Amino acid sequence: MPRKTLNEEILTLNLTYTGKITQQQLERHLWDAADILRGKIDSGDFKHYIFGLLFFKRLCNVWEEEYEERLKLYQDEELAKDPEEHRFHIPAGAFWDDIRRSSTNIGERLNIAFRAIEDANTRLRGVFQDVDFNNKERFPDATLELLLQHFSKYRLRNCDVEADVLGAAYEYLIAKFADDAGKKGGEFYTPKMVTRLIVTCLQPDEGMTIYDPTCGSGGMLLEVINYIKRLGKNPKSLQLYGQEMNLNTWAICEMNLFLHDIDDAFIVRGDTLREPKHLAAEGSKVLKTFDRVLANPPFSLKNWGDETWSKGDKFSRDTYGCPPKSYGDLAFVQHMIASLNPTGK
């Protein structure tokens, strides 16, 4: 019996709903995924695993869509699989359908696929870093099988769900998890109307550089994109920069931007007050400056870096003095002021 082509394999396994998915359908679908995990892991950890699977599914489905388009165009399977022909590369054996074929050690296979995708794509390096399914006490094969079945109900190609729709559903999920997490949700999410008000006050425009020094899940940067779109201008002309200390939140931000079809944002990990990463030149002690700076810093942060600022900040951000030892608010304000260019806001 002749071996199936990759295209035939995809069609054979793809027994999912195809066609346009509404915003409500997608939001309900994503929130229902959390119900499968309830009682099995702490609710505060839901987002890492749900986001990881959603991102993995979207990557695989979009790659398949691109592959089929190129196969139709070139009539050459090898050329259609060429990494140069795709927005990102998925190595052989690391596809969603490869995992779906597994009935044992599913968590281990997911982890291997995540690492392979990270290794193959510099832009995605680290986004799955804290998503670990290889713990059978937390994730027995039966639970992972249910999760994979659930996520397989909908195909997530561009023709099924546009980047803006998927991104909006992702933001909905971020907001729901923030509500679930209560007070701690503020560490990675700022309410949408607050964000919209701040962006409207700052009036960003085409071609500007935008910086969020405590970017969380990326909501403020995305609202700048939305603001420019509402003006009928070109959001692709913006240059987006951010820094986030929490590894999990940084990964969520990277996924969030990628799902909104934003590939070229400069989001880095690190402690903004102790070790700012956006510098005028690599290794310098001069901060890069921007047209617009906006943030929702952690309120009254106690362990913020007084031990270094009290001796004189090496990046010259302490123009107005050293903030109180147990309250870092004014350190963030001074960092933001120091990050403005001469005409910045």
C-alpha atoms as a PDB file:
ATOM      1  CA  MET A   1       0.000   0.000   0.000  1.00  0.00           C
ATOM      2  CA  PRO A   2       1.572   3.369  -1.012  1.00  0.00           C
ATOM      3  CA  ARG A   3       2.646   5.747   1.745  1.00  0.00           C
ATOM      4  CA  LYS A   4       0.327   8.734   2.258  1.00  0.00           C
ATOM      5  CA  THR A   5       1.599  12.202   1.470  1.00  0.00           C
ATOM      6  CA  LEU A   6       1.758  14.744   4.275  1.00  0.00           C
ATOM      7  CA  ASN A   7      -1.254  16.471   2.728  1.00  0.00           C
ATOM      8  CA  GLU A   8      -3.288  13.230   2.874  1.00  0.00           C
ATOM      9  CA  GLU A   9      -2.196  12.629   6.482  1.00  0.00           C
ATOM     10  CA  ILE A  10      -3.475  16.063   7.428  1.00  0.00           C
ATOM     11  CA  LEU A  11      -6.820  15.483   5.742  1.00  0.00           C
ATOM     12  CA  THR A  12      -7.192  12.033   7.321  1.00  0.00           C
ATOM     13  CA  LEU A  13      -6.633  13.258  10.862  1.00  0.00           C
ATOM     14  CA  ASN A  14      -8.455  16.536  10.485  1.00  0.00           C
ATOM     15  CA  LEU A  15     -11.939  15.431  11.537  1.00  0.00           C
ATOM     16  CA  THR A  16     -12.601  18.767  13.194  1.00  0.00           C
ATOM     17  CA  TYR A  17     -15.070  21.569  12.585  1.00  0.00           C
ATOM     18  CA  THR A  18     -13.852  23.698   9.689  1.00  0.00           C
ATOM     19  CA  GLY A  19     -15.168  27.051   8.599  1.00  0.00           C
ATOM     20  CA  LYS A  20     -15.441  30.476  10.194  1.00  0.00           C
ATOM     21  CA  ILE A  21     -15.551  30.436  13.989  1.00  0.00           C
ATOM     22  CA  THR A  22     -17.384  33.213  15.811  1.00  0.00           C
ATOM     23  CA  GLN A  23     -15.843  35.146  18.664  1.00  0.00           C
ATOM     24  CA  GLN A  24     -18.384  33.673  21.095  1.00  0.00           C
ATOM     25  CA  GLN A  25     -17.753  30.097  19.920  1.00  0.00           C
ATOM     26  CA  LEU A  26     -14.026  30.499  20.373  1.00  0.00           C
ATOM     27  CA  GLU A  27     -14.269  32.140  23.793  1.00  0.00           C
ATOM     28  CA  ARG A  28     -16.620  29.442  25.082  1.00  0.00           C
ATOM     29  CA  HIS A  29     -14.376  26.743  23.625  1.00  0.00           C
ATOM     30  CA  LEU A  30     -11.272  28.128  25.338  1.00  0.00           C
ATOM     31  CA  TRP A  31     -12.943  28.611  28.702  1.00  0.00           C
ATOM     32  CA  ASP A  32     -14.368  25.066  28.562  1.00  0.00           C
ATOM     33  CA  ALA A  33     -10.805  23.766  28.247  1.00  0.00           C
ATOM     34  CA  ALA A  34     -10.136  25.060  31.760  1.00  0.00           C
ATOM     35  CA  ASP A  35     -13.005  22.951  33.093  1.00  0.00           C
ATOM     36  CA  ILE A  36     -11.109  19.799  32.111  1.00  0.00           C
ATOM     37  CA  LEU A  37      -8.292  20.831  34.465  1.00  0.00           C
ATOM     38  CA  ARG A  38     -10.408  21.959  37.403  1.00  0.00           C
ATOM     39  CA  GLY A  39      -9.599  19.980  40.537  1.00  0.00           C
ATOM     40  CA  LYS A  40      -6.467  18.522  38.951  1.00  0.00           C
ATOM     41  CA  ILE A  41      -4.144  21.526  39.170  1.00  0.00           C
ATOM     42  CA  ASP A  42      -4.247  24.904  40.902  1.00  0.00           C
ATOM     43  CA  SER A  43      -6.475  27.382  39.056  1.00  0.00           C
ATOM     44  CA  GLY A  44      -3.640  29.917  39.073  1.00  0.00           C
ATOM     45  CA  ASP A  45      -1.681  27.571  36.778  1.00  0.00           C
ATOM     46  CA  PHE A  46      -4.477  26.997  34.232  1.00  0.00           C
ATOM     47  CA  LYS A  47      -3.350  29.778  31.940  1.00  0.00           C
ATOM     48  CA  HIS A  48       0.127  28.363  31.288  1.00  0.00           C
ATOM     49  CA  TYR A  49      -1.205  25.023  30.039  1.00  0.00           C
ATOM     50  CA  ILE A  50      -4.287  26.278  28.197  1.00  0.00           C
ATOM     51  CA  PHE A  51      -2.297  29.029  26.468  1.00  0.00           C
ATOM     52  CA  GLY A  52       0.476  26.579  25.602  1.00  0.00           C
ATOM     53  CA  LEU A  53      -1.900  24.135  23.904  1.00  0.00           C
ATOM     54  CA  LEU A  54      -3.809  26.893  22.108  1.00  0.00           C
ATOM     55  CA  PHE A  55      -0.572  28.366  20.772  1.00  0.00           C
ATOM     56  CA  PHE A  56       0.717  24.943  19.692  1.00  0.00           C
ATOM     57  CA  LYS A  57      -2.552  24.143  17.890  1.00  0.00           C
ATOM     58  CA  ARG A  58      -2.599  27.499  16.097  1.00  0.00           C
ATOM     59  CA  LEU A  59       1.015  27.139  14.949  1.00  0.00           C
ATOM     60  CA  CYS A  60       0.399  23.675  13.538  1.00  0.00           C
ATOM     61  CA  ASN A  61      -2.858  24.574  11.788  1.00  0.00           C
ATOM     62  CA  VAL A  62      -1.400  27.713  10.176  1.00  0.00           C
ATOM     63  CA  TRP A  63       1.673  25.772   9.004  1.00  0.00           C
ATOM     64  CA  GLU A  64      -0.611  23.150   7.416  1.00  0.00           C
ATOM     65  CA  GLU A  65      -2.598  25.899   5.691  1.00  0.00           C
ATOM     66  CA  GLU A  66       0.582  27.431   4.295  1.00  0.00           C
ATOM     67  CA  TYR A  67       1.818  24.003   3.243  1.00  0.00           C
ATOM     68  CA  GLU A  68      -1.348  23.202   1.291  1.00  0.00           C
ATOM     69  CA  GLU A  69      -1.272  26.608  -0.432  1.00  0.00           C
ATOM     70  CA  ARG A  70       2.337  26.103  -1.505  1.00  0.00           C
ATOM     71  CA  LEU A  71       1.725  22.508  -2.590  1.00  0.00           C
ATOM     72  CA  LYS A  72      -1.085  23.697  -4.831  1.00  0.00           C
ATOM     73  CA  LEU A  73       1.164  26.427  -6.217  1.00  0.00           C
ATOM     74  CA  TYR A  74       4.409  24.466  -6.691  1.00  0.00           C
ATOM     75  CA  GLN A  75       3.141  20.878  -7.071  1.00  0.00           C
ATOM     76  CA  ASP A  76       6.231  19.878  -5.101  1.00  0.00           C
ATOM     77  CA  GLU A  77       5.938  18.429  -1.593  1.00  0.00           C
ATOM     78  CA  GLU A  78       9.552  19.127  -0.571  1.00  0.00           C
ATOM     79  CA  LEU A  79       9.365  22.733  -1.735  1.00  0.00           C
ATOM     80  CA  ALA A  80       6.028  23.206   0.057  1.00  0.00           C
ATOM     81  CA  LYS A  81       7.695  22.034   3.298  1.00  0.00           C
ATOM     82  CA  ASP A  82      10.755  24.280   2.902  1.00  0.00           C
ATOM     83  CA  PRO A  83      11.148  26.475   6.043  1.00  0.00           C
ATOM     84  CA  GLU A  84      11.793  29.493   3.817  1.00  0.00           C
ATOM     85  CA  GLU A  85       8.210  29.180   2.601  1.00  0.00           C
ATOM     86  CA  HIS A  86       6.695  29.522   6.079  1.00  0.00           C
ATOM     87  CA  ARG A  87       6.259  32.207   8.738  1.00  0.00           C
ATOM     88  CA  PHE A  88       7.714  29.709  11.232  1.00  0.00           C
ATOM     89  CA  HIS A  89       9.108  26.188  11.037  1.00  0.00           C
ATOM     90  CA  ILE A  90       7.686  23.052  12.653  1.00  0.00           C
ATOM     91  CA  PRO A  91      10.106  20.095  12.575  1.00  0.00           C
ATOM     92  CA  ALA A  92       8.984  16.626  11.530  1.00  0.00           C
ATOM     93  CA  GLY A  93       7.366  14.753  14.394  1.00  0.00           C
ATOM     94  CA  ALA A  94       6.448  17.951  16.284  1.00  0.00           C
ATOM     95  CA  PHE A  95       2.998  18.531  14.802  1.00  0.00           C
ATOM     96  CA  TRP A  96      -0.328  18.503  16.641  1.00  0.00           C
ATOM     97  CA  ASP A  97      -1.395  15.415  14.715  1.00  0.00           C
ATOM     98  CA  ASP A  98       1.805  13.604  15.716  1.00  0.00           C
ATOM     99  CA  ILE A  99       0.810  14.043  19.356  1.00  0.00           C
ATOM    100  CA  ARG A 100      -2.809  13.068  18.646  1.00  0.00           C
ATOM    101  CA  ARG A 101      -1.589   9.684  17.407  1.00  0.00           C
ATOM    102  CA  SER A 102      -0.100   8.992  20.858  1.00  0.00           C
ATOM    103  CA  SER A 103      -2.062   7.182  23.557  1.00  0.00           C
ATOM    104  CA  THR A 104       0.756   6.841  26.088  1.00  0.00           C
ATOM    105  CA  ASN A 105       3.394   9.248  27.433  1.00  0.00           C
ATOM    106  CA  ILE A 106       1.452  12.139  25.880  1.00  0.00           C
ATOM    107  CA  GLY A 107       2.945  14.703  28.256  1.00  0.00           C
ATOM    108  CA  GLU A 108       6.499  13.708  27.368  1.00  0.00           C
ATOM    109  CA  ARG A 109       5.696  13.889  23.653  1.00  0.00           C
ATOM    110  CA  LEU A 110       4.154  17.357  24.069  1.00  0.00           C
ATOM    111  CA  ASN A 111       7.265  18.601  25.868  1.00  0.00           C
ATOM    112  CA  ILE A 112       9.522  17.206  23.147  1.00  0.00           C
ATOM    113  CA  ALA A 113       7.416  18.906  20.450  1.00  0.00           C
ATOM    114  CA  PHE A 114       7.511  22.234  22.311  1.00  0.00           C
ATOM    115  CA  ARG A 115      11.301  22.134  22.640  1.00  0.00           C
ATOM    116  CA  ALA A 116      11.706  21.189  18.972  1.00  0.00           C
ATOM    117  CA  ILE A 117       9.583  24.159  17.857  1.00  0.00           C
ATOM    118  CA  GLU A 118      11.529  26.538  20.096  1.00  0.00           C
ATOM    119  CA  ASP A 119      14.855  25.224  18.785  1.00  0.00           C
ATOM    120  CA  ALA A 120      13.682  25.681  15.199  1.00  0.00           C
ATOM    121  CA  ASN A 121      12.398  29.261  15.648  1.00  0.00           C
ATOM    122  CA  THR A 122      14.515  31.969  17.277  1.00  0.00           C
ATOM    123  CA  ARG A 123      11.433  34.204  17.527  1.00  0.00           C
ATOM    124  CA  LEU A 124       9.651  31.559  19.664  1.00  0.00           C
ATOM    125  CA  ARG A 125      12.607  30.665  21.888  1.00  0.00           C
ATOM    126  CA  GLY A 126      11.414  30.279  25.470  1.00  0.00           C
ATOM    127  CA  VAL A 127       7.647  30.651  24.969  1.00  0.00           C
ATOM    128  CA  PHE A 128       6.969  27.075  26.110  1.00  0.00           C
ATOM    129  CA  GLN A 129       9.691  27.141  28.757  1.00  0.00           C
ATOM    130  CA  ASP A 130       7.419  26.821  31.779  1.00  0.00           C
ATOM    131  CA  VAL A 131       4.772  24.588  30.166  1.00  0.00           C
ATOM    132  CA  ASP A 132       5.585  21.107  31.450  1.00  0.00           C
ATOM    133  CA  PHE A 133       3.055  18.363  30.776  1.00  0.00           C
ATOM    134  CA  ASN A 134       5.412  15.530  31.692  1.00  0.00           C
ATOM    135  CA  ASN A 135       4.115  14.946  35.214  1.00  0.00           C
ATOM    136  CA  LYS A 136       1.726  12.002  35.310  1.00  0.00           C
ATOM    137  CA  GLU A 137       0.519  12.882  38.808  1.00  0.00           C
ATOM    138  CA  ARG A 138      -0.828  16.166  37.478  1.00  0.00           C
ATOM    139  CA  PHE A 139      -1.421  15.146  33.876  1.00  0.00           C
ATOM    140  CA  PRO A 140      -2.250  11.463  33.438  1.00  0.00           C
ATOM    141  CA  ASP A 141      -2.628  10.366  29.821  1.00  0.00           C
ATOM    142  CA  ALA A 142      -6.426  10.249  30.203  1.00  0.00           C
ATOM    143  CA  THR A 143      -6.562  13.954  31.134  1.00  0.00           C
ATOM    144  CA  LEU A 144      -4.261  14.975  28.295  1.00  0.00           C
ATOM    145  CA  GLU A 145      -6.292  12.872  25.863  1.00  0.00           C
ATOM    146  CA  LEU A 146      -9.405  14.819  26.914  1.00  0.00           C
ATOM    147  CA  LEU A 147      -7.587  18.135  26.469  1.00  0.00           C
ATOM    148  CA  LEU A 148      -6.298  17.186  23.027  1.00  0.00           C
ATOM    149  CA  GLN A 149      -9.740  15.990  21.981  1.00  0.00           C
ATOM    150  CA  HIS A 150     -11.232  19.251  23.164  1.00  0.00           C
ATOM    151  CA  PHE A 151      -8.725  21.431  21.311  1.00  0.00           C
ATOM    152  CA  SER A 152      -9.157  19.284  18.211  1.00  0.00           C
ATOM    153  CA  LYS A 153     -12.838  20.261  17.905  1.00  0.00           C
ATOM    154  CA  TYR A 154     -11.954  23.429  15.993  1.00  0.00           C
ATOM    155  CA  ARG A 155      -9.409  23.982  13.276  1.00  0.00           C
ATOM    156  CA  LEU A 156      -7.505  27.221  13.819  1.00  0.00           C
ATOM    157  CA  ARG A 157      -6.211  28.153  10.393  1.00  0.00           C
ATOM    158  CA  ASN A 158      -6.270  31.764   9.188  1.00  0.00           C
ATOM    159  CA  CYS A 159      -9.205  30.900   6.943  1.00  0.00           C
ATOM    160  CA  ASP A 160     -11.126  29.653  10.010  1.00  0.00           C
ATOM    161  CA  VAL A 161     -10.203  32.337  12.519  1.00  0.00           C
ATOM    162  CA  GLU A 162      -8.452  35.590  11.697  1.00  0.00           C
ATOM    163  CA  ALA A 163      -5.560  36.772  13.850  1.00  0.00           C
ATOM    164  CA  ASP A 164      -7.625  39.621  15.357  1.00  0.00           C
ATOM    165  CA  VAL A 165     -10.456  37.256  16.338  1.00  0.00           C
ATOM    166  CA  LEU A 166      -8.088  34.708  17.840  1.00  0.00           C
ATOM    167  CA  GLY A 167      -6.137  37.444  19.590  1.00  0.00           C
ATOM    168  CA  ALA A 168      -9.323  38.932  21.040  1.00  0.00           C
ATOM    169  CA  ALA A 169     -10.384  35.492  22.312  1.00  0.00           C
ATOM    170  CA  TYR A 170      -6.948  35.070  23.846  1.00  0.00           C
ATOM    171  CA  GLU A 171      -7.304  38.425  25.610  1.00  0.00           C
ATOM    172  CA  TYR A 172     -10.751  37.343  26.818  1.00  0.00           C
ATOM    173  CA  LEU A 173      -9.135  34.262  28.338  1.00  0.00           C
ATOM    174  CA  ILE A 174      -6.397  36.372  29.944  1.00  0.00           C
ATOM    175  CA  ALA A 175      -9.093  38.565  31.519  1.00  0.00           C
ATOM    176  CA  LYS A 176     -11.052  35.518  32.751  1.00  0.00           C
ATOM    177  CA  PHE A 177      -7.953  34.013  34.330  1.00  0.00           C
ATOM    178  CA  ALA A 178      -7.144  37.371  35.919  1.00  0.00           C
ATOM    179  CA  ASP A 179     -10.646  37.418  37.448  1.00  0.00           C
ATOM    180  CA  ASP A 180     -10.126  33.859  38.655  1.00  0.00           C
ATOM    181  CA  ALA A 181      -6.772  34.783  40.180  1.00  0.00           C
ATOM    182  CA  GLY A 182      -8.290  37.761  42.020  1.00  0.00           C
ATOM    183  CA  LYS A 183      -5.803  40.362  43.201  1.00  0.00           C
ATOM    184  CA  LYS A 184      -2.819  38.561  41.670  1.00  0.00           C
ATOM    185  CA  GLY A 185      -4.356  38.899  38.203  1.00  0.00           C
ATOM    186  CA  GLY A 186      -3.141  42.489  38.115  1.00  0.00           C
ATOM    187  CA  GLU A 187       0.392  41.178  37.732  1.00  0.00           C
ATOM    188  CA  PHE A 188      -0.275  40.202  34.142  1.00  0.00           C
ATOM    189  CA  TYR A 189      -3.464  42.006  33.113  1.00  0.00           C
ATOM    190  CA  THR A 190      -4.772  45.579  33.208  1.00  0.00           C
ATOM    191  CA  PRO A 191      -8.533  46.111  32.627  1.00  0.00           C
ATOM    192  CA  LYS A 192      -9.211  46.956  28.996  1.00  0.00           C
ATOM    193  CA  MET A 193     -10.984  50.275  29.581  1.00  0.00           C
ATOM    194  CA  VAL A 194      -8.109  51.537  31.756  1.00  0.00           C
ATOM    195  CA  THR A 195      -5.647  50.610  29.031  1.00  0.00           C
ATOM    196  CA  ARG A 196      -7.776  52.254  26.356  1.00  0.00           C
ATOM    197  CA  LEU A 197      -8.001  55.491  28.353  1.00  0.00           C
ATOM    198  CA  ILE A 198      -4.231  55.651  28.867  1.00  0.00           C
ATOM    199  CA  VAL A 199      -3.532  55.087  25.163  1.00  0.00           C
ATOM    200  CA  THR A 200      -6.111  57.688  24.131  1.00  0.00           C
ATOM    201  CA  CYS A 201      -4.477  60.245  26.450  1.00  0.00           C
ATOM    202  CA  LEU A 202      -1.054  59.581  24.901  1.00  0.00           C
ATOM    203  CA  GLN A 203      -2.286  59.856  21.272  1.00  0.00           C
ATOM    204  CA  PRO A 204       0.303  57.646  19.557  1.00  0.00           C
ATOM    205  CA  ASP A 205       0.716  57.953  15.796  1.00  0.00           C
ATOM    206  CA  GLU A 206       2.146  56.095  12.815  1.00  0.00           C
ATOM    207  CA  GLY A 207       5.879  55.436  12.787  1.00  0.00           C
ATOM    208  CA  MET A 208       6.333  55.932  16.518  1.00  0.00           C
ATOM    209  CA  THR A 209       8.352  53.856  18.973  1.00  0.00           C
ATOM    210  CA  ILE A 210       6.204  52.558  21.848  1.00  0.00           C
ATOM    211  CA  TYR A 211       7.615  51.168  25.109  1.00  0.00           C
ATOM    212  CA  ASP A 212       6.068  49.394  28.091  1.00  0.00           C
ATOM    213  CA  PRO A 213       8.717  48.694  30.769  1.00  0.00           C
ATOM    214  CA  THR A 214       6.407  46.333  32.724  1.00  0.00           C
ATOM    215  CA  CYS A 215       4.452  44.924  29.792  1.00  0.00           C
ATOM    216  CA  GLY A 216       2.712  41.965  31.467  1.00  0.00           C
ATOM    217  CA  SER A 217       0.726  40.057  28.845  1.00  0.00           C
ATOM    218  CA  GLY A 218       1.115  42.865  26.294  1.00  0.00           C
ATOM    219  CA  GLY A 219      -2.306  44.488  26.591  1.00  0.00           C
ATOM    220  CA  MET A 220      -1.085  48.092  26.467  1.00  0.00           C
ATOM    221  CA  LEU A 221       1.080  47.515  23.412  1.00  0.00           C
ATOM    222  CA  LEU A 222      -1.840  45.819  21.659  1.00  0.00           C
ATOM    223  CA  GLU A 223      -4.170  48.686  22.528  1.00  0.00           C
ATOM    224  CA  VAL A 224      -1.754  51.071  20.781  1.00  0.00           C
ATOM    225  CA  ILE A 225      -2.099  48.846  17.690  1.00  0.00           C
ATOM    226  CA  ASN A 226      -5.904  48.964  18.010  1.00  0.00           C
ATOM    227  CA  TYR A 227      -5.868  52.751  18.481  1.00  0.00           C
ATOM    228  CA  ILE A 228      -3.889  53.245  15.272  1.00  0.00           C
ATOM    229  CA  LYS A 229      -6.267  50.894  13.426  1.00  0.00           C
ATOM    230  CA  ARG A 230      -9.292  52.857  14.647  1.00  0.00           C
ATOM    231  CA  LEU A 231      -7.717  55.987  13.147  1.00  0.00           C
ATOM    232  CA  GLY A 232      -7.474  54.168   9.808  1.00  0.00           C
ATOM    233  CA  LYS A 233      -3.678  54.343   9.901  1.00  0.00           C
ATOM    234  CA  ASN A 234      -0.972  51.707   9.478  1.00  0.00           C
ATOM    235  CA  PRO A 235      -0.166  49.790  12.711  1.00  0.00           C
ATOM    236  CA  LYS A 236       2.697  47.941  10.978  1.00  0.00           C
ATOM    237  CA  SER A 237       4.643  51.225  10.998  1.00  0.00           C
ATOM    238  CA  LEU A 238       4.906  51.126  14.809  1.00  0.00           C
ATOM    239  CA  GLN A 239       7.937  49.750  16.643  1.00  0.00           C
ATOM    240  CA  LEU A 240       6.902  48.008  19.861  1.00  0.00           C
ATOM    241  CA  TYR A 241       9.224  47.430  22.825  1.00  0.00           C
ATOM    242  CA  GLY A 242       8.599  45.858  26.209  1.00  0.00           C
ATOM    243  CA  GLN A 243      10.256  44.271  29.216  1.00  0.00           C
ATOM    244  CA  GLU A 244       8.738  41.788  31.677  1.00  0.00           C
ATOM    245  CA  MET A 245      10.385  40.165  34.692  1.00  0.00           C
ATOM    246  CA  ASN A 246       8.061  37.186  35.228  1.00  0.00           C
ATOM    247  CA  LEU A 247       8.989  34.307  32.907  1.00  0.00           C
ATOM    248  CA  ASN A 248       5.438  32.940  32.620  1.00  0.00           C
ATOM    249  CA  THR A 249       3.975  36.370  31.917  1.00  0.00           C
ATOM    250  CA  TRP A 250       6.691  37.161  29.364  1.00  0.00           C
ATOM    251  CA  ALA A 251       5.798  33.920  27.532  1.00  0.00           C
ATOM    252  CA  ILE A 252       2.096  34.846  27.573  1.00  0.00           C
ATOM    253  CA  CYS A 253       2.968  38.263  26.124  1.00  0.00           C
ATOM    254  CA  GLU A 254       5.009  36.710  23.315  1.00  0.00           C
ATOM    255  CA  MET A 255       2.157  34.309  22.475  1.00  0.00           C
ATOM    256  CA  ASN A 256      -0.395  37.113  22.692  1.00  0.00           C
ATOM    257  CA  LEU A 257       1.473  39.308  20.221  1.00  0.00           C
ATOM    258  CA  PHE A 258       2.169  36.387  17.887  1.00  0.00           C
ATOM    259  CA  LEU A 259      -1.513  35.393  17.855  1.00  0.00           C
ATOM    260  CA  HIS A 260      -2.334  38.985  16.902  1.00  0.00           C
ATOM    261  CA  ASP A 261      -0.022  38.522  13.882  1.00  0.00           C
ATOM    262  CA  ILE A 262       2.728  40.724  15.344  1.00  0.00           C
ATOM    263  CA  ASP A 263       6.122  39.140  14.679  1.00  0.00           C
ATOM    264  CA  ASP A 264       8.516  42.036  15.118  1.00  0.00           C
ATOM    265  CA  ALA A 265       7.943  43.373  18.651  1.00  0.00           C
ATOM    266  CA  PHE A 266      11.031  43.564  20.871  1.00  0.00           C
ATOM    267  CA  ILE A 267       9.925  41.971  24.151  1.00  0.00           C
ATOM    268  CA  VAL A 268      12.691  41.004  26.579  1.00  0.00           C
ATOM    269  CA  ARG A 269      12.837  39.306  29.961  1.00  0.00           C
ATOM    270  CA  GLY A 270      14.418  40.908  32.976  1.00  0.00           C
ATOM    271  CA  ASP A 271      14.084  43.218  35.973  1.00  0.00           C
ATOM    272  CA  THR A 272      13.477  46.686  34.526  1.00  0.00           C
ATOM    273  CA  LEU A 273      14.699  48.598  37.589  1.00  0.00           C
ATOM    274  CA  ARG A 274      17.807  46.525  38.297  1.00  0.00           C
ATOM    275  CA  GLU A 275      18.668  45.511  34.745  1.00  0.00           C
ATOM    276  CA  PRO A 276      16.954  47.459  31.943  1.00  0.00           C
ATOM    277  CA  LYS A 277      17.483  45.657  28.640  1.00  0.00           C
ATOM    278  CA  HIS A 278      16.538  48.334  26.091  1.00  0.00           C
ATOM    279  CA  LEU A 279      19.737  50.357  25.820  1.00  0.00           C
ATOM    280  CA  ALA A 280      21.046  52.908  23.319  1.00  0.00           C
ATOM    281  CA  ALA A 281      23.813  50.433  22.447  1.00  0.00           C
ATOM    282  CA  GLU A 282      24.669  46.947  23.658  1.00  0.00           C
ATOM    283  CA  GLY A 283      26.629  47.100  26.901  1.00  0.00           C
ATOM    284  CA  SER A 284      26.122  50.843  27.373  1.00  0.00           C
ATOM    285  CA  LYS A 285      24.725  52.564  30.467  1.00  0.00           C
ATOM    286  CA  VAL A 286      22.459  54.823  28.395  1.00  0.00           C
ATOM    287  CA  LEU A 287      18.780  53.930  28.027  1.00  0.00           C
ATOM    288  CA  LYS A 288      17.119  53.724  24.630  1.00  0.00           C
ATOM    289  CA  THR A 289      14.483  56.449  24.342  1.00  0.00           C
ATOM    290  CA  PHE A 290      10.994  56.297  22.846  1.00  0.00           C
ATOM    291  CA  ASP A 291       8.142  58.430  21.503  1.00  0.00           C
ATOM    292  CA  ARG A 292       5.567  56.989  23.899  1.00  0.00           C
ATOM    293  CA  VAL A 293       6.070  55.207  27.227  1.00  0.00           C
ATOM    294  CA  LEU A 294       3.142  53.634  29.080  1.00  0.00           C
ATOM    295  CA  ALA A 295       2.913  51.074  31.859  1.00  0.00           C
ATOM    296  CA  ASN A 296       0.997  49.653  34.790  1.00  0.00           C
ATOM    297  CA  PRO A 297       3.920  48.972  37.153  1.00  0.00           C
ATOM    298  CA  PRO A 298       3.497  46.736  40.218  1.00  0.00           C
ATOM    299  CA  PHE A 299       2.025  49.002  42.892  1.00  0.00           C
ATOM    300  CA  SER A 300       4.155  49.773  45.967  1.00  0.00           C
ATOM    301  CA  LEU A 301       6.700  47.075  45.164  1.00  0.00           C
ATOM    302  CA  LYS A 302       8.772  46.404  48.270  1.00  0.00           C
ATOM    303  CA  ASN A 303      11.810  44.566  46.888  1.00  0.00           C
ATOM    304  CA  TRP A 304      12.429  46.881  43.941  1.00  0.00           C
ATOM    305  CA  GLY A 305      16.192  47.532  43.931  1.00  0.00           C
ATOM    306  CA  ASP A 306      16.869  50.099  46.641  1.00  0.00           C
ATOM    307  CA  GLU A 307      20.172  48.316  47.401  1.00  0.00           C
ATOM    308  CA  THR A 308      21.570  49.497  44.045  1.00  0.00           C
ATOM    309  CA  TRP A 309      19.715  52.782  43.510  1.00  0.00           C
ATOM    310  CA  SER A 310      20.684  54.075  46.974  1.00  0.00           C
ATOM    311  CA  LYS A 311      24.319  54.036  45.823  1.00  0.00           C
ATOM    312  CA  GLY A 312      23.466  55.938  42.664  1.00  0.00           C
ATOM    313  CA  ASP A 313      21.652  54.396  39.688  1.00  0.00           C
ATOM    314  CA  LYS A 314      24.208  53.391  37.045  1.00  0.00           C
ATOM    315  CA  PHE A 315      21.727  54.279  34.277  1.00  0.00           C
ATOM    316  CA  SER A 316      21.267  57.835  35.631  1.00  0.00           C
ATOM    317  CA  ARG A 317      17.545  57.419  36.243  1.00  0.00           C
ATOM    318  CA  ASP A 318      17.623  58.836  39.787  1.00  0.00           C
ATOM    319  CA  THR A 319      17.505  62.481  38.709  1.00  0.00           C
ATOM    320  CA  TYR A 320      14.893  63.240  41.355  1.00  0.00           C
ATOM    321  CA  GLY A 321      16.463  61.149  44.115  1.00  0.00           C
ATOM    322  CA  CYS A 322      16.139  57.618  45.454  1.00  0.00           C
ATOM    323  CA  PRO A 323      12.574  56.412  46.217  1.00  0.00           C
ATOM    324  CA  PRO A 324      11.676  54.998  49.666  1.00  0.00           C
ATOM    325  CA  LYS A 325      13.186  51.614  50.434  1.00  0.00           C
ATOM    326  CA  SER A 326       9.850  49.735  50.568  1.00  0.00           C
ATOM    327  CA  TYR A 327       7.943  51.553  47.788  1.00  0.00           C
ATOM    328  CA  GLY A 328       9.251  51.359  44.237  1.00  0.00           C
ATOM    329  CA  ASP A 329       6.554  53.448  42.512  1.00  0.00           C
ATOM    330  CA  LEU A 330       8.713  56.519  41.890  1.00  0.00           C
ATOM    331  CA  ALA A 331      11.571  54.364  40.613  1.00  0.00           C
ATOM    332  CA  PHE A 332       9.273  53.174  37.811  1.00  0.00           C
ATOM    333  CA  VAL A 333       8.161  56.767  37.140  1.00  0.00           C
ATOM    334  CA  GLN A 334      11.790  57.909  36.900  1.00  0.00           C
ATOM    335  CA  HIS A 335      12.626  54.990  34.618  1.00  0.00           C
ATOM    336  CA  MET A 336       9.749  55.967  32.322  1.00  0.00           C
ATOM    337  CA  ILE A 337      10.810  59.634  32.249  1.00  0.00           C
ATOM    338  CA  ALA A 338      14.416  58.633  31.492  1.00  0.00           C
ATOM    339  CA  SER A 339      13.125  56.455  28.624  1.00  0.00           C
ATOM    340  CA  LEU A 340      11.454  59.368  26.800  1.00  0.00           C
ATOM    341  CA  ASN A 341      13.002  61.079  23.814  1.00  0.00           C
ATOM    342  CA  PRO A 342      12.915  64.932  23.696  1.00  0.00           C
ATOM    343  CA  THR A 343       9.407  65.013  22.162  1.00  0.00           C
ATOM    344  CA  GLY A 344       8.113  61.916  23.947  1.00  0.00           C
ATOM    345  CA  LYS A 345       5.092  61.525  26.217  1.00  0.00           C
END
